[in-house]
Amino acid sequence: MKLPRRNFLYLAAGAAALPAASRFAWAQAYPTRPVRIVVGFAPGSASDIITRLMGQSLSERLGQPFVIENRPGGGTNIATEAVVRAPADGYTLLMVSPAQAINATLYNKLNFNFIRDIAPVAGIMVVPTVMLVHPSVPAKAVPEFIAYAKANPGKLSMASGGIGSGTHLAGELFKMMAGVDMVHVPNRGGGPALTDLLGGQVQVMFPSTVSSIGYIRAGRLRALAVTTTTRLDLLPDIPTLGEFLPGYEASAWFGVGAPKATPAEIVDKLNKAINAALADPKLMARLADLSGTVLAGSPADFGKLIADETEKWGKVIRAANIKAE
């Protein structure tokens, strides 16, 4: 049977629109089953806590469980690769942190390219870090500490949560900008590093406020500066490092990523749900308890943050000649 030309064109146009329509309908229905968020750190870490808070909120908003899967190891590389290899259908997501941006330069051979293989979905929050010293250190301010370190080259020890960790690179950036020589003492995590600082085995560390604020308030550790660009409401009398070393900034940040080919409609739906969660006073209050600042924004905004941080820490790693363990 011959179709009139006009009818044929209508049918052809309708057929061409089917993939887009079905994609849109699929995204509208998403999620129809539990969603997995993979975290590259152990339970109880700042990354894990933030993921669980966000997962609970997303479960309430999108009507399906958001299940947290902890896959520590390899400096988050194990978790990242698991998500890179997962189906790009929105049901496997990644909690993204500075570790992934750092690893892009720290490791010479990875089975993935983080910026190429993970699609940014949304930023969640920024957590400040702080320069802490043991009370035995005579310096009461950053200029005094720099002068003390220069007068005692190689005699001060700097703790970190491990080679290439955020606490390590924050300290290396300080060493470079202040022109001081300190011995790096890596630990197997931020908790053991803080224990060493509390015991006086090391003299300085750059941990997050999440893990250290209690020790600061109790007077067990002395805060010399915060590493963000502005002073913190919870530590209003503590200056920023940038007030003494212009341009210094280091902080922990967190957000969500997905396998690269995840449909844009699903990424957009997740982005809107995350941003709506971050505007919820209940979640905002919980994040404020962690001394965090909400990020929110578009996938492109989060992608720019990742790219900028990857470039920044790449320069520090190359300049300090840091090698992965």
Protein backbone atom coordinates (compact mmCIF):
# COMPACT_ATOMS: atom_id res chain seq x y z
CA MET A 1 0.00 0.00 0.00
CA LYS A 2 1.30 3.45 -0.95
CA LEU A 3 1.11 6.14 1.71
CA PRO A 4 0.42 9.74 0.78
CA ARG A 5 3.60 11.79 1.13
CA ARG A 6 2.16 13.94 3.95
CA ASN A 7 1.20 10.86 6.03
CA PHE A 8 4.64 9.35 5.46
CA LEU A 9 6.35 12.51 6.73
CA TYR A 10 4.15 12.53 9.86
CA LEU A 11 5.04 8.91 10.60
CA ALA A 12 8.73 9.51 10.00
CA ALA A 13 8.77 12.53 12.29
CA GLY A 14 6.95 10.56 14.97
CA ALA A 15 9.40 7.68 14.75
CA ALA A 16 12.36 10.08 15.05
CA ALA A 17 10.86 11.56 18.19
CA LEU A 18 10.35 8.20 19.89
CA PRO A 19 13.91 7.78 21.32
CA ALA A 20 13.85 11.27 22.84
CA ALA A 21 10.34 10.76 24.19
CA SER A 22 11.15 7.38 25.69
CA ARG A 23 14.33 8.82 27.22
CA PHE A 24 12.33 11.65 28.77
CA ALA A 25 9.73 9.22 30.12
CA TRP A 26 12.49 7.01 31.53
CA ALA A 27 14.07 9.99 33.28
CA GLN A 28 10.68 11.08 34.61
CA ALA A 29 10.13 7.63 36.13
CA TYR A 30 13.69 7.41 37.56
CA PRO A 31 14.41 5.96 40.04
CA THR A 32 12.30 2.80 39.98
CA ARG A 33 14.63 0.76 42.21
CA PRO A 34 17.33 1.38 44.87
CA VAL A 35 20.28 3.63 43.95
CA ARG A 36 23.80 2.87 45.16
CA ILE A 37 26.20 5.63 46.26
CA VAL A 38 29.77 4.35 46.47
CA VAL A 39 32.08 5.98 49.05
CA GLY A 40 35.85 5.51 48.89
CA PHE A 41 36.30 5.82 52.66
CA ALA A 42 35.38 3.73 55.70
CA PRO A 43 32.18 4.23 57.70
CA GLY A 44 32.41 7.16 60.10
CA SER A 45 34.61 9.30 57.85
CA ALA A 46 33.48 12.82 56.92
CA SER A 47 32.77 11.60 53.39
CA ASP A 48 30.65 8.73 54.71
CA ILE A 49 28.70 10.94 57.13
CA ILE A 50 27.88 13.50 54.43
CA THR A 51 26.88 10.78 51.97
CA ARG A 52 24.49 9.21 54.48
CA LEU A 53 22.85 12.55 55.23
CA MET A 54 22.37 13.26 51.53
CA GLY A 55 21.29 9.68 50.78
CA GLN A 56 18.54 9.88 53.39
CA SER A 57 17.28 13.15 51.95
CA LEU A 58 17.32 11.82 48.37
CA SER A 59 15.44 8.70 49.47
CA GLU A 60 12.69 10.89 50.90
CA ARG A 61 12.53 13.10 47.81
CA LEU A 62 12.77 10.49 45.06
CA GLY A 63 10.91 7.62 46.68
CA GLN A 64 13.58 4.92 46.45
CA PRO A 65 16.33 3.86 48.88
CA PHE A 66 19.74 5.44 48.29
CA VAL A 67 22.06 2.75 49.65
CA ILE A 68 25.57 3.71 50.82
CA GLU A 69 28.34 1.28 49.85
CA ASN A 70 31.74 1.84 51.48
CA ARG A 71 34.63 0.66 49.31
CA PRO A 72 37.79 2.05 50.95
CA GLY A 73 41.24 1.39 49.53
CA GLY A 74 43.64 2.75 46.97
CA GLY A 75 43.05 6.32 48.09
CA THR A 76 39.44 6.12 46.72
CA ASN A 77 40.64 4.59 43.43
CA ILE A 78 38.82 1.30 44.11
CA ALA A 79 35.51 3.09 44.61
CA THR A 80 36.03 5.38 41.63
CA GLU A 81 36.84 2.51 39.27
CA ALA A 82 33.77 0.58 40.46
CA VAL A 83 31.56 3.50 39.42
CA VAL A 84 33.43 4.11 36.16
CA ARG A 85 32.76 0.47 35.20
CA ALA A 86 29.10 0.49 36.34
CA PRO A 87 26.17 0.84 33.90
CA ALA A 88 25.51 4.49 33.10
CA ASP A 89 21.86 4.33 34.15
CA GLY A 90 21.81 6.52 37.26
CA TYR A 91 21.70 3.60 39.69
CA THR A 92 25.38 3.76 40.68
CA LEU A 93 26.74 7.09 41.90
CA LEU A 94 30.05 8.20 43.42
CA MET A 95 30.76 10.44 46.39
CA VAL A 96 33.46 12.76 45.03
CA SER A 97 36.05 14.54 47.22
CA PRO A 98 39.51 16.12 46.83
CA ALA A 99 41.02 12.62 46.84
CA GLN A 100 39.88 12.01 43.26
CA ALA A 101 41.27 15.36 42.09
CA ILE A 102 44.58 14.63 43.84
CA ASN A 103 44.85 11.07 42.52
CA ALA A 104 44.67 12.26 38.92
CA THR A 105 48.28 13.45 39.31
CA LEU A 106 49.49 11.39 42.26
CA TYR A 107 49.10 8.04 40.46
CA ASN A 108 50.96 7.51 37.19
CA LYS A 109 48.86 4.55 36.04
CA LEU A 110 45.15 4.39 36.70
CA ASN A 111 42.59 2.30 34.82
CA PHE A 112 40.44 5.38 34.29
CA ASN A 113 40.62 9.12 33.68
CA PHE A 114 38.57 10.70 36.42
CA ILE A 115 37.62 13.93 34.63
CA ARG A 116 36.83 12.06 31.41
CA ASP A 117 35.03 9.06 32.92
CA ILE A 118 32.93 10.58 35.73
CA ALA A 119 30.14 13.07 35.02
CA PRO A 120 29.71 15.75 37.69
CA VAL A 121 26.18 15.82 39.13
CA ALA A 122 26.21 18.36 41.97
CA GLY A 123 28.38 19.80 44.70
CA ILE A 124 27.18 19.26 48.25
CA MET A 125 29.40 21.15 50.67
CA VAL A 126 32.81 22.53 51.54
CA VAL A 127 34.40 21.67 54.89
CA PRO A 128 37.17 23.97 56.16
CA THR A 129 40.49 22.75 57.44
CA VAL A 130 42.61 24.31 60.14
CA MET A 131 46.31 24.63 60.96
CA LEU A 132 46.80 23.04 64.39
CA VAL A 133 49.87 22.82 66.58
CA HIS A 134 50.59 20.91 69.77
CA PRO A 135 50.60 23.17 72.87
CA SER A 136 54.34 22.51 73.30
CA VAL A 137 55.04 24.58 70.17
CA PRO A 138 55.94 28.09 71.41
CA ALA A 139 54.38 29.91 68.44
CA LYS A 140 51.02 31.56 69.12
CA ALA A 141 50.50 32.96 65.61
CA VAL A 142 51.39 32.02 62.01
CA PRO A 143 54.29 34.52 61.61
CA GLU A 144 55.81 33.21 64.86
CA PHE A 145 55.43 29.63 63.66
CA ILE A 146 57.12 30.40 60.33
CA ALA A 147 60.00 32.13 62.14
CA TYR A 148 60.30 29.18 64.55
CA ALA A 149 60.27 26.64 61.70
CA LYS A 150 62.93 28.60 59.78
CA ALA A 151 65.10 28.74 62.90
CA ASN A 152 64.71 24.95 63.29
CA PRO A 153 64.81 23.52 59.75
CA GLY A 154 63.87 19.85 59.57
CA LYS A 155 63.17 19.64 63.30
CA LEU A 156 59.39 20.05 63.20
CA SER A 157 57.18 17.12 62.19
CA MET A 158 53.95 17.49 60.22
CA ALA A 159 51.32 14.74 60.55
CA SER A 160 48.94 13.70 57.79
CA GLY A 161 46.38 11.03 57.01
CA GLY A 162 48.73 9.51 54.43
CA ILE A 163 50.85 10.35 51.41
CA GLY A 164 48.77 12.36 48.95
CA SER A 165 45.91 12.90 51.39
CA GLY A 166 44.25 16.29 51.69
CA THR A 167 45.93 16.89 55.04
CA HIS A 168 49.30 16.11 53.44
CA LEU A 169 48.87 18.44 50.48
CA ALA A 170 47.51 21.29 52.62
CA GLY A 171 50.74 21.03 54.63
CA GLU A 172 52.92 20.82 51.51
CA LEU A 173 51.26 23.93 50.10
CA PHE A 174 52.00 25.72 53.37
CA LYS A 175 55.64 24.58 53.30
CA MET A 176 56.05 25.84 49.73
CA MET A 177 54.43 29.22 50.30
CA ALA A 178 56.07 29.83 53.71
CA GLY A 179 59.49 28.55 52.63
CA VAL A 180 59.89 26.21 55.60
CA ASP A 181 61.32 22.70 55.96
CA MET A 182 59.27 20.24 58.03
CA VAL A 183 59.38 16.44 58.16
CA HIS A 184 56.24 14.78 56.82
CA VAL A 185 54.93 11.93 59.00
CA PRO A 186 52.18 10.05 57.11
CA ASN A 187 49.67 7.90 58.99
CA ARG A 188 47.05 5.37 57.95
CA GLY A 189 44.21 7.86 58.25
CA GLY A 190 43.40 11.20 59.83
CA GLY A 191 42.40 9.69 63.18
CA PRO A 192 45.83 8.18 63.95
CA ALA A 193 47.49 11.39 62.75
CA LEU A 194 45.43 13.46 65.20
CA THR A 195 46.33 10.99 67.96
CA ASP A 196 50.02 11.59 67.24
CA LEU A 197 49.47 15.35 67.36
CA LEU A 198 47.58 15.11 70.65
CA GLY A 199 50.42 13.02 72.09
CA GLY A 200 53.10 15.49 70.97
CA GLN A 201 54.85 12.97 68.67
CA VAL A 202 54.37 15.54 65.89
CA GLN A 203 53.99 19.29 66.11
CA VAL A 204 51.62 20.44 63.36
CA MET A 205 48.73 19.16 61.24
CA PHE A 206 46.10 20.49 58.80
CA PRO A 207 42.91 18.46 59.59
CA SER A 208 39.28 19.29 58.89
CA THR A 209 37.27 21.11 61.52
CA VAL A 210 34.89 18.11 61.59
CA SER A 211 37.51 15.97 63.29
CA SER A 212 39.34 18.63 65.30
CA ILE A 213 36.91 21.26 66.60
CA GLY A 214 36.37 19.41 69.90
CA TYR A 215 40.11 19.37 70.65
CA ILE A 216 40.40 23.06 69.78
CA ARG A 217 37.54 24.02 72.09
CA ALA A 218 38.94 21.86 74.90
CA GLY A 219 42.33 23.59 74.58
CA ARG A 220 44.14 20.35 73.79
CA LEU A 221 45.35 21.67 70.42
CA ARG A 222 46.07 25.25 69.35
CA ALA A 223 44.54 26.61 66.14
CA LEU A 224 46.83 29.10 64.41
CA ALA A 225 44.77 29.65 61.28
CA VAL A 226 41.93 28.34 59.14
CA THR A 227 42.81 27.43 55.57
CA THR A 228 39.71 28.87 53.88
CA THR A 229 39.62 32.31 52.24
CA THR A 230 37.38 33.76 54.95
CA ARG A 231 37.21 33.36 58.73
CA LEU A 232 34.82 30.82 60.20
CA ASP A 233 31.78 31.62 62.31
CA LEU A 234 32.64 28.77 64.67
CA LEU A 235 36.22 30.11 65.12
CA PRO A 236 35.75 33.86 64.60
CA ASP A 237 38.98 34.89 66.35
CA ILE A 238 41.20 32.57 64.29
CA PRO A 239 42.72 34.28 61.22
CA THR A 240 42.97 32.75 57.77
CA LEU A 241 46.33 31.57 56.46
CA GLY A 242 45.74 33.84 53.49
CA GLU A 243 46.10 36.86 55.80
CA PHE A 244 49.79 35.92 56.15
CA LEU A 245 50.34 33.94 52.93
CA PRO A 246 48.22 35.68 50.27
CA GLY A 247 46.55 33.20 47.94
CA TYR A 248 46.69 30.24 50.32
CA GLU A 249 43.49 28.16 50.32
CA ALA A 250 42.80 24.51 51.09
CA SER A 251 39.54 22.86 52.04
CA ALA A 252 37.69 19.60 51.77
CA TRP A 253 34.71 19.52 49.42
CA PHE A 254 32.16 16.88 48.56
CA GLY A 255 29.73 16.18 45.75
CA VAL A 256 28.14 13.49 43.62
CA GLY A 257 29.32 12.04 40.32
CA ALA A 258 27.99 9.39 37.91
CA PRO A 259 29.39 7.26 35.07
CA LYS A 260 30.18 9.52 32.12
CA ALA A 261 27.43 8.32 29.74
CA THR A 262 24.62 8.73 32.27
CA PRO A 263 21.69 10.38 30.43
CA ALA A 264 21.59 14.15 30.87
CA GLU A 265 17.93 13.94 31.94
CA ILE A 266 18.86 11.74 34.92
CA VAL A 267 21.85 13.90 35.85
CA ASP A 268 19.54 16.94 35.76
CA LYS A 269 16.92 15.20 37.93
CA LEU A 270 19.54 14.23 40.51
CA ASN A 271 21.04 17.72 40.45
CA LYS A 272 17.66 19.31 41.16
CA ALA A 273 16.94 16.82 43.96
CA ILE A 274 20.33 17.47 45.59
CA ASN A 275 19.92 21.24 45.34
CA ALA A 276 16.41 20.99 46.83
CA ALA A 277 17.81 18.89 49.69
CA LEU A 278 20.52 21.48 50.33
CA ALA A 279 17.84 24.17 50.62
CA ASP A 280 16.01 22.17 53.29
CA PRO A 281 16.54 23.83 56.73
CA LYS A 282 16.82 20.41 58.44
CA LEU A 283 19.68 19.23 56.24
CA MET A 284 21.30 22.67 56.29
CA ALA A 285 21.34 22.53 60.09
CA ARG A 286 22.94 19.07 60.07
CA LEU A 287 25.61 20.22 57.62
CA ALA A 288 26.23 23.35 59.70
CA ASP A 289 26.93 21.04 62.65
CA LEU A 290 29.79 19.65 60.55
CA SER A 291 31.02 23.26 60.05
CA GLY A 292 30.28 22.90 56.34
CA THR A 293 29.17 25.45 53.76
CA VAL A 294 26.63 24.41 51.14
CA LEU A 295 27.87 24.28 47.53
CA ALA A 296 24.80 23.38 45.39
CA GLY A 297 24.82 24.72 41.80
CA SER A 298 24.74 23.08 38.37
CA PRO A 299 26.67 20.03 37.12
CA ALA A 300 28.90 22.48 35.21
CA ASP A 301 29.64 24.39 38.43
CA PHE A 302 30.75 21.20 40.16
CA GLY A 303 32.74 20.15 37.09
CA LYS A 304 34.64 23.44 37.16
CA LEU A 305 35.47 22.98 40.85
CA ILE A 306 36.83 19.49 40.14
CA ALA A 307 38.91 20.73 37.20
CA ASP A 308 40.30 23.69 39.16
CA GLU A 309 41.20 21.52 42.17
CA THR A 310 42.82 18.88 39.93
CA GLU A 311 45.03 21.54 38.36
CA LYS A 312 45.87 23.20 41.69
CA TRP A 313 46.91 20.04 43.54
CA GLY A 314 48.66 18.68 40.46
CA LYS A 315 51.03 21.65 40.64
CA VAL A 316 51.72 21.01 44.34
CA ILE A 317 52.34 17.29 43.77
CA ARG A 318 54.78 17.95 40.93
CA ALA A 319 56.57 20.76 42.75
CA ALA A 320 56.99 18.70 45.93
CA ASN A 321 57.77 15.53 43.93
CA ILE A 322 55.19 13.53 45.87
CA LYS A 323 54.88 9.87 44.89
CA ALA A 324 52.06 7.47 45.74
CA GLU A 325 52.83 4.76 48.29
